[in-house]
Protein backbone atom coordinates (compact mmCIF):
# COMPACT_ATOMS: atom_id res chain seq x y z
CA MET A 1 21.68 5.35 28.23
CA ALA A 2 20.24 8.27 26.32
CA ALA A 3 18.46 10.81 28.43
CA VAL A 4 14.76 11.31 27.88
CA GLU A 5 15.21 15.07 27.71
CA ASP A 6 18.25 16.53 26.02
CA VAL A 7 19.34 19.46 23.91
CA GLU A 8 17.44 18.04 20.96
CA SER A 9 14.11 18.76 22.65
CA ARG A 10 14.36 22.49 21.99
CA GLY A 11 11.96 23.58 19.31
CA ALA A 12 10.39 20.12 19.07
CA LYS A 13 6.83 19.63 18.00
CA ASN A 14 4.22 17.13 19.01
CA ARG A 15 4.66 13.78 17.30
CA GLY A 16 0.98 13.43 16.78
CA ASP A 17 0.91 16.45 14.48
CA SER A 18 2.33 14.72 11.45
CA TYR A 19 3.80 11.36 12.15
CA SER A 20 2.62 7.85 12.78
CA SER A 21 4.77 4.93 13.82
CA SER A 22 4.38 1.27 14.58
CA TYR A 23 4.79 1.56 18.31
CA VAL A 24 2.80 3.24 21.07
CA VAL A 25 3.41 6.97 20.99
CA PRO A 26 2.58 9.02 24.08
CA ASP A 27 0.88 12.35 23.55
CA ARG A 28 3.78 14.29 25.04
CA ASP A 29 6.45 12.49 23.00
CA THR A 30 8.07 14.60 20.33
CA GLN A 31 9.03 14.47 16.70
CA TRP A 32 12.07 16.43 15.66
CA THR A 33 12.34 18.20 12.35
CA SER A 34 14.96 16.47 10.25
CA TRP A 35 17.66 18.90 9.10
CA LEU A 36 20.92 17.04 9.73
CA ILE A 37 20.36 14.25 7.19
CA PRO A 38 19.37 16.67 4.38
CA LEU A 39 22.46 18.71 5.27
CA VAL A 40 24.63 15.58 5.04
CA VAL A 41 23.14 14.84 1.61
CA VAL A 42 23.90 18.38 0.43
CA ALA A 43 27.46 18.11 1.78
CA ASN A 44 28.05 14.82 -0.06
CA VAL A 45 26.68 16.20 -3.32
CA ALA A 46 28.78 19.35 -2.93
CA MET A 47 31.93 17.30 -2.32
CA PHE A 48 31.23 15.25 -5.44
CA ILE A 49 30.87 18.43 -7.51
CA VAL A 50 34.15 19.72 -6.07
CA ALA A 51 35.82 16.41 -6.91
CA MET A 52 34.60 16.56 -10.50
CA TYR A 53 35.72 20.20 -10.81
CA ILE A 54 39.22 19.34 -9.62
CA ASN A 55 39.30 16.16 -11.69
CA ASN A 56 38.81 18.02 -15.02
CA CYS A 57 38.99 14.90 -17.18
CA PRO A 58 39.44 16.66 -20.58
CA LYS A 59 42.55 18.43 -19.31
CA HIS A 60 44.18 15.73 -17.18
CA TYR A 61 43.31 12.45 -18.92
CA SER A 62 46.11 11.36 -21.22
CA GLY A 63 45.05 7.79 -22.00
CA VAL A 64 45.00 6.44 -25.52
CA GLY A 65 41.79 5.22 -27.14
CA ASP A 66 39.20 5.82 -24.43
CA LYS A 67 37.64 9.24 -24.04
CA CYS A 68 36.05 11.10 -21.17
CA VAL A 69 32.36 10.30 -20.74
CA ALA A 70 29.75 13.06 -21.24
CA ARG A 71 32.29 15.51 -22.62
CA PHE A 72 29.53 18.13 -23.03
CA PHE A 73 29.87 18.66 -19.24
CA GLY A 74 33.27 20.18 -19.91
CA ARG A 75 35.60 19.93 -16.94
CA PHE A 76 32.84 18.05 -15.07
CA SER A 77 32.87 15.13 -17.53
CA PHE A 78 33.59 11.66 -16.17
CA GLN A 79 36.61 9.42 -16.45
CA PRO A 80 36.44 6.72 -19.18
CA LEU A 81 34.25 3.77 -18.19
CA ALA A 82 37.22 1.42 -18.39
CA GLU A 83 38.82 3.40 -15.56
CA ASN A 84 35.73 4.26 -13.51
CA PRO A 85 32.47 2.46 -14.43
CA LEU A 86 30.57 4.37 -11.72
CA LEU A 87 30.73 7.69 -13.64
CA GLY A 88 33.09 9.67 -11.48
CA PRO A 89 36.58 11.12 -11.04
CA SER A 90 39.94 9.39 -11.16
CA ALA A 91 41.48 7.54 -8.23
CA SER A 92 44.25 10.14 -8.03
CA THR A 93 41.70 12.94 -7.58
CA LEU A 94 39.93 11.05 -4.80
CA GLU A 95 43.26 10.32 -3.14
CA LYS A 96 44.15 14.01 -3.29
CA LEU A 97 40.85 14.97 -1.62
CA GLY A 98 41.13 12.51 1.27
CA ALA A 99 40.31 8.96 0.16
CA LEU A 100 41.21 6.19 2.61
CA GLU A 101 44.60 4.70 1.78
CA TRP A 102 46.37 2.37 4.21
CA THR A 103 49.91 3.58 3.47
CA LYS A 104 49.07 7.25 4.00
CA VAL A 105 47.12 6.55 7.19
CA VAL A 106 49.72 4.28 8.81
CA HIS A 107 53.05 5.53 7.48
CA GLY A 108 52.03 9.04 6.46
CA HIS A 109 50.28 9.69 9.81
CA GLN A 110 47.18 10.96 8.00
CA GLY A 111 44.57 9.56 10.36
CA TRP A 112 42.13 12.25 9.24
CA ARG A 113 41.50 10.15 6.14
CA LEU A 114 39.46 7.77 8.32
CA ILE A 115 36.83 10.54 8.46
CA SER A 116 37.37 12.46 5.22
CA CYS A 117 36.79 9.39 3.05
CA ILE A 118 33.13 9.10 4.12
CA TRP A 119 32.35 12.42 2.38
CA LEU A 120 33.69 11.31 -1.00
CA HIS A 121 32.08 9.06 -3.63
CA ALA A 122 33.53 7.15 -6.55
CA GLY A 123 30.84 8.18 -9.01
CA VAL A 124 27.29 9.28 -9.73
CA VAL A 125 25.95 5.73 -9.35
CA HIS A 126 27.69 5.35 -6.00
CA LEU A 127 26.45 8.75 -4.80
CA VAL A 128 22.81 8.31 -5.87
CA ILE A 129 22.43 4.87 -4.27
CA ASN A 130 23.98 5.99 -0.99
CA MET A 131 22.03 9.24 -0.76
CA PHE A 132 18.72 7.57 -1.61
CA CYS A 133 19.22 5.01 1.15
CA LEU A 134 20.43 7.69 3.56
CA VAL A 135 17.28 9.76 3.04
CA PHE A 136 15.05 6.68 3.33
CA ILE A 137 16.65 5.54 6.59
CA GLY A 138 18.15 8.63 8.16
CA ILE A 139 15.22 11.04 8.07
CA ARG A 140 12.96 8.59 9.90
CA LEU A 141 15.59 8.00 12.59
CA GLU A 142 16.33 11.70 13.02
CA GLN A 143 12.63 12.48 13.38
CA GLN A 144 12.36 9.92 16.15
CA PHE A 145 15.62 10.42 18.04
CA GLY A 146 16.93 13.85 17.09
CA PHE A 147 20.04 15.13 15.36
CA VAL A 148 22.52 14.61 18.21
CA ARG A 149 22.12 10.86 18.58
CA ILE A 150 21.76 10.15 14.87
CA GLY A 151 24.70 12.40 14.07
CA VAL A 152 26.88 10.54 16.58
CA ILE A 153 25.84 7.18 15.14
CA TYR A 154 26.46 8.35 11.56
CA LEU A 155 29.96 9.70 12.21
CA LEU A 156 31.17 6.93 14.53
CA SER A 157 29.81 4.25 12.20
CA GLY A 158 31.60 5.83 9.26
CA PHE A 159 34.78 5.94 11.35
CA GLY A 160 34.34 2.31 12.44
CA GLY A 161 33.83 1.23 8.85
CA SER A 162 36.98 3.06 7.81
CA VAL A 163 39.05 1.40 10.55
CA LEU A 164 37.96 -2.11 9.55
CA SER A 165 38.42 -1.31 5.87
CA ALA A 166 41.96 -0.04 6.48
CA LEU A 167 42.80 -3.21 8.43
CA PHE A 168 41.74 -5.49 5.58
CA ILE A 169 42.44 -3.47 2.43
CA GLN A 170 45.95 -2.10 1.88
CA LYS A 171 46.31 -2.03 -1.92
CA TYR A 172 43.35 0.12 -2.93
CA ILE A 173 41.77 3.40 -1.92
CA SER A 174 38.29 3.48 -0.38
CA VAL A 175 35.64 6.20 -0.39
CA GLY A 176 31.94 6.51 0.36
CA ALA A 177 29.34 6.98 3.06
CA SER A 178 28.40 3.29 2.95
CA GLY A 179 29.95 2.54 6.35
CA ALA A 180 27.98 5.36 7.98
CA LEU A 181 24.84 4.28 6.13
CA PHE A 182 25.21 0.68 7.29
CA GLY A 183 25.71 2.07 10.79
CA LEU A 184 22.22 3.55 10.63
CA LEU A 185 20.96 0.15 9.45
CA GLY A 186 22.64 -1.51 12.42
CA ALA A 187 21.11 1.08 14.74
CA MET A 188 17.68 0.34 13.26
CA LEU A 189 18.13 -3.32 14.13
CA SER A 190 19.29 -2.73 17.70
CA GLU A 191 16.55 -0.12 18.21
CA LEU A 192 14.00 -2.71 17.14
CA ILE A 193 15.46 -5.24 19.59
CA THR A 194 15.81 -2.97 22.61
CA ASN A 195 12.38 -1.34 22.14
CA TRP A 196 10.62 -4.54 21.05
CA THR A 197 8.07 -4.56 23.87
CA ILE A 198 6.56 -1.19 22.90
CA TYR A 199 6.07 -1.98 19.20
CA THR A 200 2.41 -2.54 18.39
CA ASN A 201 2.98 -3.54 14.77
CA LYS A 202 6.01 -5.78 15.01
CA ALA A 203 5.47 -7.37 11.58
CA ALA A 204 5.57 -3.99 9.82
CA ALA A 205 8.70 -2.96 11.70
CA VAL A 206 10.52 -6.19 10.84
CA PHE A 207 9.41 -6.06 7.19
CA THR A 208 10.65 -2.48 6.78
CA LEU A 209 14.03 -3.34 8.26
CA LEU A 210 14.43 -6.47 6.14
CA PHE A 211 13.49 -4.56 2.98
CA VAL A 212 16.20 -1.96 3.56
CA VAL A 213 18.81 -4.56 4.53
CA ILE A 214 18.13 -6.63 1.40
CA ILE A 215 18.55 -3.58 -0.85
CA ASN A 216 21.88 -2.73 0.73
CA LEU A 217 23.10 -6.32 0.62
CA ALA A 218 22.36 -6.26 -3.11
CA VAL A 219 24.50 -3.14 -3.41
CA GLY A 220 27.28 -5.03 -1.65
CA ILE A 221 27.72 -7.44 -4.54
CA LEU A 222 28.47 -4.67 -7.04
CA PRO A 223 32.08 -4.30 -8.20
CA HIS A 224 34.39 -1.83 -6.43
CA VAL A 225 32.27 -1.92 -3.25
CA ASP A 226 34.10 -1.99 0.09
CA ASN A 227 32.19 -4.60 2.10
CA PHE A 228 34.61 -4.34 5.02
CA ALA A 229 33.45 -0.74 5.51
CA HIS A 230 29.88 -2.04 5.42
CA ILE A 231 30.60 -4.63 8.11
CA GLY A 232 32.53 -2.22 10.33
CA GLY A 233 29.85 0.45 10.04
CA PHE A 234 27.00 -1.98 10.65
CA VAL A 235 28.61 -3.44 13.78
CA THR A 236 29.41 0.03 15.15
CA GLY A 237 25.89 1.30 14.54
CA PHE A 238 24.36 -1.87 15.95
CA LEU A 239 26.22 -1.45 19.24
CA LEU A 240 25.59 2.31 19.38
CA GLY A 241 21.86 1.70 18.92
CA PHE A 242 21.71 -0.19 22.22
CA VAL A 243 23.54 2.69 23.94
CA LEU A 244 21.78 5.70 22.40
CA LEU A 245 18.34 4.60 21.20
CA PRO A 246 16.49 2.82 24.04
CA ARG A 247 13.05 4.27 24.70
CA PRO A 248 11.54 4.55 28.19
CA GLN A 249 8.98 1.81 28.64
CA PHE A 250 6.67 3.32 31.22
CA GLY A 251 7.87 6.90 31.59
CA TRP A 252 4.69 8.46 30.19
CA ILE A 253 2.15 6.55 32.31
CA GLU A 254 0.11 8.80 34.57
CA ARG A 255 -0.36 7.32 38.02
CA ARG A 256 -4.00 8.39 38.15
CA ASN A 257 -4.71 5.87 35.41
CA LEU A 258 -3.24 2.92 37.32
CA PRO A 259 -4.60 0.83 40.19
CA ALA A 260 -3.34 1.85 43.64
CA ASP A 261 -1.13 -1.20 44.10
CA VAL A 262 0.75 -0.72 40.82
CA ARG A 263 4.20 0.87 40.96
CA VAL A 264 6.04 2.00 37.87
CA LYS A 265 9.41 0.36 38.43
CA SER A 266 11.72 2.08 35.99
CA LYS A 267 11.78 4.15 32.86
CA TYR A 268 13.98 1.50 31.26
CA LYS A 269 13.75 -2.25 31.56
CA GLY A 270 16.62 -4.23 32.99
CA TYR A 271 17.54 -5.82 29.67
CA GLN A 272 17.93 -2.34 28.14
CA TYR A 273 20.56 -1.46 30.74
CA VAL A 274 22.34 -4.77 30.14
CA LEU A 275 22.33 -4.35 26.36
CA GLY A 276 23.56 -0.77 26.64
CA LEU A 277 26.42 -1.51 29.04
CA VAL A 278 27.62 -4.64 27.23
CA SER A 279 27.44 -2.86 23.86
CA LEU A 280 29.37 0.13 25.19
CA GLY A 281 32.09 -2.18 26.50
CA LEU A 282 32.34 -4.03 23.19
CA LEU A 283 32.40 -0.76 21.28
CA VAL A 284 35.23 0.75 23.33
CA ALA A 285 37.23 -2.48 23.21
CA GLY A 286 36.70 -2.85 19.47
CA PHE A 287 37.85 0.68 18.67
CA ALA A 288 40.85 0.39 20.98
CA VAL A 289 42.03 -2.91 19.50
CA GLY A 290 41.34 -1.82 15.92
CA LEU A 291 43.17 1.50 16.18
CA VAL A 292 46.18 -0.04 17.96
CA MET A 293 46.46 -2.73 15.28
CA LEU A 294 46.06 -0.19 12.48
CA PHE A 295 48.67 2.31 13.62
CA ARG A 296 51.10 -0.47 14.42
CA GLY A 297 50.87 -1.49 10.79
CA GLY A 298 48.55 -4.49 11.28
CA GLN A 299 47.24 -6.19 8.16
CA MET A 300 44.22 -8.34 8.90
CA GLY A 301 43.95 -9.19 5.23
CA SER A 302 47.19 -11.16 5.41
CA ASP A 303 45.91 -13.44 8.13
CA THR A 304 42.58 -15.01 7.18
CA SER A 305 42.47 -17.29 10.21
CA ARG A 306 42.83 -14.30 12.52
CA ALA A 307 40.00 -12.52 10.74
CA VAL A 308 37.77 -15.58 11.04
CA MET A 309 38.60 -15.82 14.74
CA VAL A 310 37.75 -12.16 15.37
CA ILE A 311 34.45 -12.47 13.52
CA GLY A 312 33.67 -15.69 15.39
CA VAL A 313 34.35 -14.13 18.79
CA PHE A 314 32.23 -11.11 17.93
CA THR A 315 29.40 -13.36 16.76
CA LEU A 316 29.43 -15.24 20.06
CA LEU A 317 29.43 -12.00 22.05
CA LEU A 318 26.65 -10.61 19.89
CA TRP A 319 24.56 -13.73 20.41
CA TRP A 320 25.04 -13.41 24.17
CA VAL A 321 23.89 -9.79 24.02
CA VAL A 322 20.73 -10.27 21.97
CA ARG A 323 19.66 -13.45 23.74
CA VAL A 324 18.80 -11.35 26.82
CA PRO A 325 15.02 -11.71 27.17
CA THR A 326 13.20 -8.78 25.67
CA ALA A 327 9.82 -9.52 27.12
CA GLY A 328 8.82 -10.03 30.69
CA ALA A 329 5.68 -10.86 32.57
CA ILE A 330 2.66 -8.74 31.77
CA ASP A 331 2.01 -6.04 34.35
CA CYS A 332 -0.47 -3.20 34.66
CA ALA A 333 2.17 -0.68 33.63
CA THR A 334 2.42 -2.33 30.22
CA VAL A 335 -1.36 -2.43 29.86
CA GLY A 336 -1.63 1.19 30.99
CA ALA A 337 0.99 2.23 28.46
CA LEU A 338 -1.00 0.66 25.64
CA ILE A 339 -4.28 2.18 26.77
CA SER A 340 -2.55 5.59 27.01
CA ALA A 341 -2.35 5.57 23.21
CA CYS A 342 -6.13 6.11 23.35
CA SER A 343 -5.92 8.83 26.02
CA SER A 344 -7.54 11.52 23.86
CA PHE A 345 -10.64 9.40 23.20
CA VAL A 346 -10.80 8.07 26.77
CA THR A 347 -10.53 11.56 28.29
CA TYR A 348 -12.45 13.72 25.81
CA GLY A 349 -14.53 11.21 23.85
CA THR A 350 -13.01 12.30 20.55
CA PRO A 351 -11.76 11.49 17.97
CA ASP A 352 -13.25 8.05 17.50
CA PRO A 353 -10.57 5.39 17.05
CA PHE A 354 -10.63 3.34 13.86
CA PRO A 355 -8.81 0.19 12.67
CA GLY A 356 -5.25 1.12 11.74
CA SER A 357 -5.09 4.16 14.02
CA PRO A 358 -2.40 4.25 16.75
CA CYS A 359 -5.11 3.67 19.35
CA CYS A 360 -6.46 0.56 17.62
CA GLU A 361 -2.95 -0.74 16.97
CA ALA A 362 -2.39 -0.48 20.73
CA VAL A 363 -5.63 -2.37 21.41
CA ALA A 364 -4.54 -5.05 18.93
CA SER A 365 -1.23 -5.30 20.76
CA LEU A 366 -3.17 -5.67 24.00
CA ASN A 367 -5.03 -8.56 22.41
CA ASN A 368 -1.72 -10.15 21.42
CA LEU A 369 -0.55 -9.94 25.03
CA ALA A 370 -3.64 -11.83 26.18
CA ASP A 371 -2.70 -14.98 24.29
CA THR A 372 -3.05 -17.39 27.23
CA SER A 373 -5.65 -17.77 29.95
CA ASP A 374 -3.26 -16.45 32.62
CA SER A 375 -2.18 -13.44 30.59
CA ARG A 376 -5.79 -12.75 29.63
CA GLN A 377 -6.72 -12.74 33.30
CA THR A 378 -3.91 -10.29 34.06
CA VAL A 379 -4.91 -7.99 31.21
CA CYS A 380 -8.53 -8.15 32.33
CA MET A 381 -7.69 -7.20 35.91
CA CYS A 382 -5.53 -4.28 34.79
CA VAL A 383 -8.14 -2.98 32.36
CA MET A 384 -10.89 -3.27 34.96
CA GLY A 385 -8.69 -1.35 37.37
CA LEU A 386 -8.49 1.45 34.83
CA VAL A 387 -12.25 1.38 34.19
CA THR A 388 -13.55 1.26 37.74
CA THR A 389 -10.96 2.91 39.95
CA TYR A 390 -8.96 5.91 38.83
CA ASN A 391 -10.22 7.69 35.76
CA PRO A 392 -13.83 8.93 35.91
CA ASN A 393 -13.93 8.94 32.10
CA ALA A 394 -12.26 5.56 31.69
CA THR A 395 -15.55 3.76 31.04
CA ALA A 396 -14.88 4.82 27.46
CA VAL A 397 -12.28 2.07 27.50
CA ALA A 398 -15.16 -0.39 27.28
CA THR A 399 -16.01 0.84 23.79
CA LEU A 400 -12.49 0.50 22.39
CA PRO A 401 -12.73 -3.15 21.24
CA GLY A 402 -15.92 -2.35 19.33
CA PHE A 403 -14.42 0.67 17.58
CA CYS A 404 -11.28 -1.28 16.69
CA GLY A 405 -12.94 -4.57 15.76
CA VAL A 406 -10.81 -6.46 18.28
CA SER A 407 -11.94 -9.07 20.81
CA LEU A 408 -9.98 -9.15 24.05
CA GLY A 409 -11.56 -12.40 25.19
CA PHE A 410 -13.52 -10.76 28.01
CA THR A 411 -16.28 -8.17 28.33
CA ILE A 412 -15.43 -4.78 29.78
CA GLU A 413 -18.27 -3.85 32.12
CA PRO A 414 -18.52 -2.96 35.83
CA ASN A 415 -19.47 -6.48 36.95
CA THR A 416 -16.87 -8.38 34.92
CA ASP A 417 -15.23 -11.17 36.92
CA CYS A 418 -11.68 -11.63 35.63
CA SER A 419 -11.10 -14.80 37.64
């Protein structure tokens, strides 16, 4: 499990200063400045420029008929479209710079190509699509979880994608950050699953994830795209997300805001521990088996039935992992966590909450919890405990439904009978 406080917390700023998300954000939670993802983008662009400089199409291309594309770029002009339709260098140049090639990895003992290939791109089209998606996905994740965790996910996902690609593809070279990018997508999905109970706008979170996944699936149908790297990266990132990205459920709740008989059980829920441990085991086993098969000269592509079996086994294991219940019985800790999103208004009387604000999204989530008579009774009792017992300013809680335009199904006043 990822620690709540780590080296990434140095120099952090308050999340409330400039960022809004679709889950409850405690006042003391932090937003990190994103610098790693922009640096990765710069590194990828720089490597592409280096590749084009070394490629020098006008000097090295000796084909008949076709000509280098955009010859006005001089030595930076592209290979003929018949050779590379993505507007980039030749395959030999990419191979020289570290493209993934099964023969060189297995028989040439050049395992470093499993990492170097993720910094190379086949062409301008390939580079632009990957970098656009990386910025769209990666900056948000780095702001939320910091550079250490996102950097680990990015690199290991790229490595995992390379391993699976090398197992299935032996005749062609492979380059690109797509495996690492799909790893971030997988991490987004597992982060949504493991932190599901603290999302206040679940529909928006799911829609955003689906939108990004659909775009990248569309990219996967383009020619010369290594979908095995996509699959390997996605699976690696998905498992790493359960290990590195769980958020503490009740860690920010102040005890003075809770009834006396309420005990905050754990920073993390039980299912988060289960998901993290099972995912870590699958990840270690997957890398071990994949690397042993690769360096023994295994060729998954020559045995379709074996590939289907592996995918089937993984699917069953994955189903077992994600079927762990992600929501438990309502307790006052959960209610207190939601109300804490309005702590500034409750404590100081300002600023007024409004529909769409984090506070009102939390109140709306509270309303969603109270969807049955029993759950409504539980929510009522917890809210009344906050109002009448521990916080002298908590009577402001009574005005929250009115500000937010939300009905909780009961009236918040001193004489309310929740039974």
